[in-house]
Amino acid sequence: MVASRNFDDTFFIYHLRLLVFYFADEQIYVKAGQEQIRGVPPALTSNPEHPPLAKYLIGLWPQSPLAAGAATLLLAGWMARLLGRSFWLVAFSLASDIVFARTARFAVLDVFVALFSTAAAVSYLLGRRWLSGVFWGAAFASKFTALFPFVGFFSLPSA
């Protein structure tokens, strides 16, 4: 009975190891970022269809999406304060969003779009339009889906 129990425990632990979840994109972006760090031009990396900035940041430090997610929380809270709302309510709401929380834990490009577009909005609200343009450029240099928050932000009526 003892030998059977050890086999069952080993079998169970081995199969738990198989439950680890990886995004397919995560492995591609890390590899492409490391290739860029080694000097391979972005058009010749294993992922040439997306702009290079976010992949370069992931190549420098694979945990950078987590840091970008934390910075996005702080910037979103700051933006709320600039608009007269609660810092903590907005930061907590964003942190509890399951899509944002999961995205910030994986090495994917979307969290950098969120970071740079939020930084662009905060810069714009502070009256630093040139800095807002720099951050919008960084968002577009991370992933072309930055077009959606860009169009949404500039379609709002100006105050």
N, C-alpha and C. Protein backbone atom coordinates (compact mmCIF):
# COMPACT_ATOMS: atom_id res chain seq x y z
N MET A 1 0.82 -1.19 0.00
CA MET A 1 0.00 0.00 0.00
C MET A 1 0.86 1.26 0.00
N VAL A 2 1.98 1.24 0.68
CA VAL A 2 2.86 2.40 0.72
C VAL A 2 3.46 2.67 -0.65
N ALA A 3 3.87 1.64 -1.36
CA ALA A 3 4.45 1.81 -2.69
C ALA A 3 3.40 2.38 -3.65
N SER A 4 2.18 1.94 -3.52
CA SER A 4 1.12 2.45 -4.38
C SER A 4 0.86 3.93 -4.10
N ARG A 5 0.90 4.31 -2.83
CA ARG A 5 0.67 5.71 -2.46
C ARG A 5 1.77 6.61 -3.03
N ASN A 6 3.00 6.18 -2.96
CA ASN A 6 4.09 6.99 -3.51
C ASN A 6 3.94 7.15 -5.02
N PHE A 7 3.54 6.08 -5.69
CA PHE A 7 3.32 6.17 -7.13
C PHE A 7 2.19 7.15 -7.45
N ASP A 8 1.11 7.08 -6.68
CA ASP A 8 -0.02 7.99 -6.91
C ASP A 8 0.37 9.44 -6.69
N ASP A 9 1.15 9.70 -5.63
CA ASP A 9 1.60 11.06 -5.35
C ASP A 9 2.49 11.57 -6.48
N THR A 10 3.40 10.74 -6.92
CA THR A 10 4.31 11.12 -8.00
C THR A 10 3.52 11.36 -9.28
N PHE A 11 2.58 10.51 -9.57
CA PHE A 11 1.75 10.65 -10.77
C PHE A 11 0.96 11.96 -10.72
N PHE A 12 0.38 12.25 -9.54
CA PHE A 12 -0.41 13.46 -9.36
C PHE A 12 0.46 14.71 -9.52
N ILE A 13 1.63 14.74 -8.89
CA ILE A 13 2.53 15.89 -8.97
C ILE A 13 3.01 16.09 -10.41
N TYR A 14 3.31 15.00 -11.10
CA TYR A 14 3.75 15.10 -12.49
C TYR A 14 2.65 15.72 -13.36
N HIS A 15 1.43 15.33 -13.16
CA HIS A 15 0.34 15.88 -13.96
C HIS A 15 -0.02 17.31 -13.55
N LEU A 16 0.21 17.69 -12.31
CA LEU A 16 0.02 19.09 -11.92
C LEU A 16 1.02 19.98 -12.66
N ARG A 17 2.21 19.46 -12.87
CA ARG A 17 3.23 20.20 -13.58
C ARG A 17 2.79 20.49 -15.02
N LEU A 18 1.99 19.63 -15.58
CA LEU A 18 1.50 19.82 -16.95
C LEU A 18 0.41 20.89 -17.03
N LEU A 19 -0.14 21.30 -15.89
CA LEU A 19 -1.21 22.30 -15.87
C LEU A 19 -0.69 23.73 -15.93
N VAL A 20 0.63 23.91 -15.92
CA VAL A 20 1.19 25.26 -15.99
C VAL A 20 0.80 25.86 -17.33
N PHE A 21 0.32 27.09 -17.30
CA PHE A 21 -0.23 27.72 -18.48
C PHE A 21 0.77 28.72 -19.05
N TYR A 22 1.03 28.65 -20.32
CA TYR A 22 1.87 29.62 -21.03
C TYR A 22 1.09 30.14 -22.23
N PHE A 23 1.19 31.43 -22.46
CA PHE A 23 0.69 31.99 -23.70
C PHE A 23 1.67 31.63 -24.79
N ALA A 24 1.18 31.25 -25.94
CA ALA A 24 2.07 31.00 -27.07
C ALA A 24 2.77 32.29 -27.46
N ASP A 25 2.03 33.41 -27.41
CA ASP A 25 2.63 34.69 -27.76
C ASP A 25 3.75 35.08 -26.81
N GLU A 26 3.60 34.70 -25.54
CA GLU A 26 4.60 35.06 -24.55
C GLU A 26 5.97 34.52 -24.93
N GLN A 27 6.04 33.28 -25.33
CA GLN A 27 7.31 32.69 -25.70
C GLN A 27 7.88 33.35 -26.96
N ILE A 28 7.01 33.70 -27.90
CA ILE A 28 7.46 34.35 -29.13
C ILE A 28 8.01 35.74 -28.84
N TYR A 29 7.32 36.51 -27.99
CA TYR A 29 7.76 37.87 -27.69
C TYR A 29 9.06 37.89 -26.91
N VAL A 30 9.22 36.96 -25.97
CA VAL A 30 10.47 36.89 -25.22
C VAL A 30 11.62 36.55 -26.16
N LYS A 31 11.40 35.58 -27.03
CA LYS A 31 12.44 35.20 -27.99
C LYS A 31 12.78 36.35 -28.92
N ALA A 32 11.76 37.03 -29.45
CA ALA A 32 12.00 38.15 -30.36
C ALA A 32 12.71 39.29 -29.63
N GLY A 33 12.35 39.56 -28.38
CA GLY A 33 13.00 40.60 -27.60
C GLY A 33 14.47 40.28 -27.34
N GLN A 34 14.75 39.02 -27.03
CA GLN A 34 16.14 38.62 -26.82
C GLN A 34 16.94 38.70 -28.11
N GLU A 35 16.31 38.39 -29.23
CA GLU A 35 16.98 38.53 -30.53
C GLU A 35 17.31 40.00 -30.79
N GLN A 36 16.39 40.89 -30.49
CA GLN A 36 16.64 42.32 -30.68
C GLN A 36 17.77 42.80 -29.79
N ILE A 37 17.83 42.31 -28.56
CA ILE A 37 18.91 42.69 -27.64
C ILE A 37 20.26 42.27 -28.22
N ARG A 38 20.29 41.11 -28.87
CA ARG A 38 21.54 40.61 -29.46
C ARG A 38 21.90 41.33 -30.75
N GLY A 39 21.05 42.23 -31.21
CA GLY A 39 21.37 43.02 -32.38
C GLY A 39 20.69 42.62 -33.68
N VAL A 40 19.79 41.66 -33.61
CA VAL A 40 19.04 41.27 -34.82
C VAL A 40 18.05 42.39 -35.13
N PRO A 41 18.02 42.88 -36.37
CA PRO A 41 17.04 43.93 -36.71
C PRO A 41 15.61 43.44 -36.47
N PRO A 42 14.71 44.33 -36.01
CA PRO A 42 13.34 43.91 -35.71
C PRO A 42 12.63 43.22 -36.86
N ALA A 43 12.92 43.60 -38.10
CA ALA A 43 12.25 42.98 -39.25
C ALA A 43 12.72 41.54 -39.49
N LEU A 44 13.83 41.16 -38.88
CA LEU A 44 14.37 39.81 -39.08
C LEU A 44 14.20 38.91 -37.85
N THR A 45 13.52 39.39 -36.82
CA THR A 45 13.32 38.58 -35.63
C THR A 45 12.25 37.54 -35.88
N SER A 46 12.02 36.70 -34.88
CA SER A 46 11.01 35.64 -35.02
C SER A 46 9.58 36.20 -34.98
N ASN A 47 9.42 37.50 -34.71
CA ASN A 47 8.09 38.12 -34.66
C ASN A 47 8.14 39.50 -35.31
N PRO A 48 8.22 39.57 -36.63
CA PRO A 48 8.36 40.88 -37.28
C PRO A 48 7.04 41.62 -37.48
N GLU A 49 5.89 40.99 -37.18
CA GLU A 49 4.62 41.64 -37.51
C GLU A 49 4.19 42.71 -36.52
N HIS A 50 4.83 42.81 -35.37
CA HIS A 50 4.50 43.86 -34.40
C HIS A 50 5.67 44.82 -34.27
N PRO A 51 5.39 46.07 -33.90
CA PRO A 51 6.48 47.04 -33.70
C PRO A 51 7.43 46.57 -32.60
N PRO A 52 8.65 47.09 -32.55
CA PRO A 52 9.69 46.51 -31.70
C PRO A 52 9.76 46.97 -30.25
N LEU A 53 9.18 48.09 -29.86
CA LEU A 53 9.47 48.66 -28.54
C LEU A 53 9.12 47.73 -27.39
N ALA A 54 7.92 47.22 -27.32
CA ALA A 54 7.51 46.35 -26.21
C ALA A 54 8.33 45.07 -26.19
N LYS A 55 8.61 44.50 -27.35
CA LYS A 55 9.43 43.28 -27.39
C LYS A 55 10.84 43.57 -26.92
N TYR A 56 11.35 44.76 -27.23
CA TYR A 56 12.68 45.14 -26.75
C TYR A 56 12.68 45.25 -25.22
N LEU A 57 11.64 45.86 -24.66
CA LEU A 57 11.54 45.97 -23.20
C LEU A 57 11.43 44.59 -22.54
N ILE A 58 10.68 43.69 -23.16
CA ILE A 58 10.56 42.33 -22.64
C ILE A 58 11.90 41.61 -22.75
N GLY A 59 12.64 41.85 -23.82
CA GLY A 59 13.95 41.25 -23.98
C GLY A 59 14.95 41.74 -22.95
N LEU A 60 14.85 43.03 -22.57
CA LEU A 60 15.73 43.57 -21.54
C LEU A 60 15.45 42.94 -20.18
N TRP A 61 14.16 42.79 -19.87
CA TRP A 61 13.76 42.26 -18.56
C TRP A 61 12.42 41.56 -18.72
N PRO A 62 12.39 40.23 -18.67
CA PRO A 62 11.13 39.51 -18.89
C PRO A 62 10.01 39.85 -17.90
N GLN A 63 10.35 40.44 -16.76
CA GLN A 63 9.32 40.84 -15.79
C GLN A 63 8.80 42.25 -16.04
N SER A 64 9.24 42.89 -17.12
CA SER A 64 8.82 44.26 -17.39
C SER A 64 7.31 44.42 -17.57
N PRO A 65 6.57 43.44 -18.10
CA PRO A 65 5.11 43.63 -18.16
C PRO A 65 4.47 43.78 -16.78
N LEU A 66 5.01 43.10 -15.80
CA LEU A 66 4.48 43.24 -14.44
C LEU A 66 4.73 44.66 -13.91
N ALA A 67 5.93 45.18 -14.16
CA ALA A 67 6.24 46.55 -13.75
C ALA A 67 5.38 47.54 -14.52
N ALA A 68 5.16 47.28 -15.81
CA ALA A 68 4.31 48.16 -16.62
C ALA A 68 2.87 48.14 -16.11
N GLY A 69 2.39 46.97 -15.69
CA GLY A 69 1.04 46.88 -15.12
C GLY A 69 0.91 47.67 -13.84
N ALA A 70 1.93 47.58 -12.97
CA ALA A 70 1.90 48.34 -11.71
C ALA A 70 1.94 49.84 -11.99
N ALA A 71 2.77 50.25 -12.94
CA ALA A 71 2.84 51.66 -13.30
C ALA A 71 1.52 52.14 -13.90
N THR A 72 0.86 51.29 -14.66
CA THR A 72 -0.43 51.66 -15.25
C THR A 72 -1.47 51.89 -14.16
N LEU A 73 -1.43 51.06 -13.11
CA LEU A 73 -2.36 51.26 -11.98
C LEU A 73 -2.15 52.63 -11.35
N LEU A 74 -0.90 52.99 -11.12
CA LEU A 74 -0.60 54.28 -10.50
C LEU A 74 -1.01 55.44 -11.41
N LEU A 75 -0.72 55.31 -12.70
CA LEU A 75 -1.10 56.37 -13.64
C LEU A 75 -2.61 56.51 -13.77
N ALA A 76 -3.32 55.39 -13.77
CA ALA A 76 -4.78 55.45 -13.86
C ALA A 76 -5.36 56.12 -12.61
N GLY A 77 -4.79 55.82 -11.46
CA GLY A 77 -5.23 56.49 -10.24
C GLY A 77 -4.94 57.98 -10.27
N TRP A 78 -3.77 58.34 -10.79
CA TRP A 78 -3.40 59.75 -10.90
C TRP A 78 -4.33 60.47 -11.88
N MET A 79 -4.66 59.82 -12.98
CA MET A 79 -5.59 60.40 -13.93
C MET A 79 -6.95 60.63 -13.27
N ALA A 80 -7.37 59.69 -12.44
CA ALA A 80 -8.64 59.86 -11.72
C ALA A 80 -8.59 61.09 -10.82
N ARG A 81 -7.48 61.27 -10.13
CA ARG A 81 -7.34 62.45 -9.26
C ARG A 81 -7.38 63.74 -10.07
N LEU A 82 -6.75 63.72 -11.24
CA LEU A 82 -6.78 64.90 -12.10
C LEU A 82 -8.19 65.22 -12.59
N LEU A 83 -9.02 64.20 -12.69
CA LEU A 83 -10.41 64.38 -13.13
C LEU A 83 -11.38 64.51 -11.96
N GLY A 84 -10.85 64.60 -10.74
CA GLY A 84 -11.69 64.80 -9.56
C GLY A 84 -12.32 63.53 -9.01
N ARG A 85 -11.75 62.41 -9.31
CA ARG A 85 -12.29 61.13 -8.83
C ARG A 85 -11.34 60.51 -7.82
N SER A 86 -11.73 59.39 -7.27
CA SER A 86 -10.95 58.71 -6.24
C SER A 86 -9.79 57.91 -6.86
N PHE A 87 -8.58 58.19 -6.38
CA PHE A 87 -7.40 57.44 -6.82
C PHE A 87 -7.58 55.96 -6.56
N TRP A 88 -7.95 55.63 -5.33
CA TRP A 88 -8.02 54.22 -4.92
C TRP A 88 -9.14 53.46 -5.60
N LEU A 89 -10.26 54.12 -5.83
CA LEU A 89 -11.36 53.44 -6.49
C LEU A 89 -10.97 53.03 -7.92
N VAL A 90 -10.35 53.93 -8.65
CA VAL A 90 -9.95 53.62 -10.02
C VAL A 90 -8.82 52.59 -10.04
N ALA A 91 -7.82 52.78 -9.18
CA ALA A 91 -6.70 51.83 -9.16
C ALA A 91 -7.18 50.43 -8.75
N PHE A 92 -8.05 50.36 -7.75
CA PHE A 92 -8.57 49.06 -7.33
C PHE A 92 -9.44 48.43 -8.42
N SER A 93 -10.26 49.25 -9.08
CA SER A 93 -11.10 48.72 -10.15
C SER A 93 -10.26 48.13 -11.28
N LEU A 94 -9.20 48.82 -11.65
CA LEU A 94 -8.33 48.30 -12.71
C LEU A 94 -7.58 47.06 -12.24
N ALA A 95 -7.11 47.07 -10.99
CA ALA A 95 -6.37 45.92 -10.47
C ALA A 95 -7.26 44.68 -10.35
N SER A 96 -8.54 44.88 -10.11
CA SER A 96 -9.44 43.74 -9.95
C SER A 96 -10.01 43.25 -11.29
N ASP A 97 -9.72 43.96 -12.37
CA ASP A 97 -10.15 43.51 -13.68
C ASP A 97 -9.33 42.29 -14.07
N ILE A 98 -9.99 41.19 -14.30
CA ILE A 98 -9.31 39.92 -14.52
C ILE A 98 -8.46 39.95 -15.79
N VAL A 99 -8.93 40.62 -16.84
CA VAL A 99 -8.16 40.67 -18.09
C VAL A 99 -6.87 41.46 -17.88
N PHE A 100 -6.97 42.61 -17.21
CA PHE A 100 -5.77 43.41 -16.96
C PHE A 100 -4.80 42.68 -16.04
N ALA A 101 -5.33 42.08 -14.97
CA ALA A 101 -4.46 41.38 -14.03
C ALA A 101 -3.72 40.22 -14.69
N ARG A 102 -4.40 39.48 -15.54
CA ARG A 102 -3.74 38.36 -16.24
C ARG A 102 -2.75 38.85 -17.29
N THR A 103 -3.13 39.88 -18.02
CA THR A 103 -2.26 40.40 -19.07
C THR A 103 -0.96 40.94 -18.50
N ALA A 104 -1.04 41.58 -17.34
CA ALA A 104 0.16 42.16 -16.74
C ALA A 104 1.10 41.08 -16.20
N ARG A 105 0.62 39.86 -16.06
CA ARG A 105 1.48 38.80 -15.54
C ARG A 105 2.22 38.04 -16.63
N PHE A 106 1.80 38.21 -17.87
CA PHE A 106 2.43 37.50 -18.98
C PHE A 106 3.25 38.48 -19.81
N ALA A 107 4.24 37.97 -20.50
CA ALA A 107 5.08 38.80 -21.36
C ALA A 107 4.38 39.02 -22.70
N VAL A 108 3.36 39.87 -22.68
CA VAL A 108 2.62 40.21 -23.90
C VAL A 108 2.70 41.73 -24.11
N LEU A 109 2.34 42.18 -25.28
CA LEU A 109 2.53 43.57 -25.68
C LEU A 109 1.42 44.51 -25.20
N ASP A 110 0.26 43.97 -24.90
CA ASP A 110 -0.92 44.81 -24.61
C ASP A 110 -0.75 45.67 -23.36
N VAL A 111 -0.05 45.18 -22.37
CA VAL A 111 0.11 45.96 -21.15
C VAL A 111 0.95 47.21 -21.40
N PHE A 112 1.84 47.16 -22.37
CA PHE A 112 2.64 48.34 -22.70
C PHE A 112 1.79 49.38 -23.43
N VAL A 113 0.84 48.92 -24.25
CA VAL A 113 -0.09 49.85 -24.88
C VAL A 113 -0.91 50.55 -23.79
N ALA A 114 -1.36 49.79 -22.80
CA ALA A 114 -2.11 50.39 -21.69
C ALA A 114 -1.26 51.40 -20.93
N LEU A 115 -0.01 51.04 -20.66
CA LEU A 115 0.89 51.95 -19.93
C LEU A 115 1.11 53.25 -20.69
N PHE A 116 1.52 53.14 -21.94
CA PHE A 116 1.88 54.34 -22.70
C PHE A 116 0.66 55.19 -23.04
N SER A 117 -0.49 54.57 -23.30
CA SER A 117 -1.68 55.37 -23.60
C SER A 117 -2.21 56.06 -22.34
N THR A 118 -2.11 55.41 -21.19
CA THR A 118 -2.50 56.06 -19.94
C THR A 118 -1.55 57.20 -19.61
N ALA A 119 -0.26 56.97 -19.82
CA ALA A 119 0.72 58.05 -19.60
C ALA A 119 0.47 59.21 -20.55
N ALA A 120 0.07 58.92 -21.78
CA ALA A 120 -0.25 59.98 -22.74
C ALA A 120 -1.46 60.79 -22.29
N ALA A 121 -2.47 60.12 -21.77
CA ALA A 121 -3.67 60.82 -21.30
C ALA A 121 -3.34 61.69 -20.09
N VAL A 122 -2.54 61.17 -19.16
CA VAL A 122 -2.14 61.97 -17.98
C VAL A 122 -1.33 63.18 -18.42
N SER A 123 -0.40 62.99 -19.34
CA SER A 123 0.42 64.10 -19.84
C SER A 123 -0.46 65.17 -20.50
N TYR A 124 -1.42 64.73 -21.26
CA TYR A 124 -2.34 65.65 -21.93
C TYR A 124 -3.14 66.45 -20.89
N LEU A 125 -3.61 65.77 -19.86
CA LEU A 125 -4.38 66.46 -18.81
C LEU A 125 -3.53 67.44 -18.02
N LEU A 126 -2.23 67.18 -17.94
CA LEU A 126 -1.31 68.09 -17.24
C LEU A 126 -0.87 69.25 -18.12
N GLY A 127 -1.31 69.25 -19.39
CA GLY A 127 -0.97 70.34 -20.29
C GLY A 127 0.34 70.15 -21.03
N ARG A 128 0.92 68.98 -20.94
CA ARG A 128 2.18 68.69 -21.62
C ARG A 128 1.88 67.91 -22.90
N ARG A 129 1.43 68.63 -23.87
CA ARG A 129 0.97 67.99 -25.11
C ARG A 129 2.11 67.30 -25.88
N TRP A 130 3.29 67.88 -25.86
CA TRP A 130 4.42 67.26 -26.55
C TRP A 130 4.77 65.92 -25.91
N LEU A 131 4.73 65.86 -24.57
CA LEU A 131 5.01 64.60 -23.88
C LEU A 131 3.92 63.58 -24.16
N SER A 132 2.69 64.06 -24.27
CA SER A 132 1.59 63.18 -24.64
C SER A 132 1.85 62.56 -26.01
N GLY A 133 2.34 63.35 -26.94
CA GLY A 133 2.67 62.84 -28.27
C GLY A 133 3.78 61.80 -28.22
N VAL A 134 4.76 62.00 -27.35
CA VAL A 134 5.84 61.02 -27.19
C VAL A 134 5.28 59.70 -26.68
N PHE A 135 4.39 59.78 -25.71
CA PHE A 135 3.81 58.55 -25.16
C PHE A 135 2.89 57.86 -26.16
N TRP A 136 2.14 58.63 -26.96
CA TRP A 136 1.33 58.00 -28.01
C TRP A 136 2.23 57.31 -29.02
N GLY A 137 3.37 57.93 -29.34
CA GLY A 137 4.33 57.30 -30.23
C GLY A 137 4.86 56.00 -29.65
N ALA A 138 5.14 55.99 -28.34
CA ALA A 138 5.61 54.77 -27.69
C ALA A 138 4.53 53.69 -27.70
N ALA A 139 3.28 54.10 -27.54
CA ALA A 139 2.18 53.13 -27.58
C ALA A 139 2.09 52.50 -28.97
N PHE A 140 2.19 53.32 -30.01
CA PHE A 140 2.16 52.79 -31.38
C PHE A 140 3.40 51.96 -31.68
N ALA A 141 4.53 52.30 -31.06
CA ALA A 141 5.76 51.52 -31.27
C ALA A 141 5.74 50.22 -30.48
N SER A 142 4.71 50.03 -29.65
CA SER A 142 4.55 48.78 -28.90
C SER A 142 3.63 47.81 -29.63
N LYS A 143 2.50 48.33 -30.09
CA LYS A 143 1.54 47.50 -30.82
C LYS A 143 0.57 48.43 -31.54
N PHE A 144 0.19 48.05 -32.74
CA PHE A 144 -0.66 48.93 -33.55
C PHE A 144 -2.08 49.04 -33.01
N THR A 145 -2.47 48.20 -32.08
CA THR A 145 -3.80 48.32 -31.49
C THR A 145 -3.92 49.58 -30.62
N ALA A 146 -2.84 50.32 -30.46
CA ALA A 146 -2.90 51.60 -29.76
C ALA A 146 -3.79 52.59 -30.51
N LEU A 147 -4.12 52.27 -31.75
CA LEU A 147 -5.01 53.12 -32.52
C LEU A 147 -6.37 53.27 -31.83
N PHE A 148 -6.85 52.22 -31.18
CA PHE A 148 -8.18 52.27 -30.57
C PHE A 148 -8.26 53.26 -29.40
N PRO A 149 -7.36 53.21 -28.41
CA PRO A 149 -7.45 54.25 -27.37
C PRO A 149 -7.11 55.64 -27.91
N PHE A 150 -6.25 55.72 -28.93
CA PHE A 150 -5.89 57.00 -29.53
C PHE A 150 -7.12 57.67 -30.14
N VAL A 151 -7.85 56.94 -30.94
CA VAL A 151 -9.06 57.48 -31.58
C VAL A 151 -10.11 57.79 -30.50
N GLY A 152 -10.25 56.92 -29.53
CA GLY A 152 -11.21 57.16 -28.46
C GLY A 152 -10.89 58.40 -27.65
N PHE A 153 -9.61 58.59 -27.35
CA PHE A 153 -9.21 59.74 -26.55
C PHE A 153 -9.43 61.05 -27.30
N PHE A 154 -9.06 61.08 -28.56
CA PHE A 154 -9.18 62.32 -29.32
C PHE A 154 -10.56 62.56 -29.90
N SER A 155 -11.46 61.59 -29.77
CA SER A 155 -12.85 61.84 -30.19
C SER A 155 -13.69 62.42 -29.06
N LEU A 156 -13.13 62.49 -27.85
CA LEU A 156 -13.83 63.12 -26.74
C LEU A 156 -13.90 64.63 -26.95
N PRO A 157 -14.99 65.24 -26.54
CA PRO A 157 -15.05 66.71 -26.67
C PRO A 157 -14.04 67.34 -25.71
N SER A 158 -13.32 68.34 -26.18
CA SER A 158 -12.34 68.98 -25.31
C SER A 158 -13.04 69.93 -24.34
N ALA A 159 -12.47 70.00 -23.18
CA ALA A 159 -13.08 70.83 -22.12
C ALA A 159 -12.68 72.28 -22.24
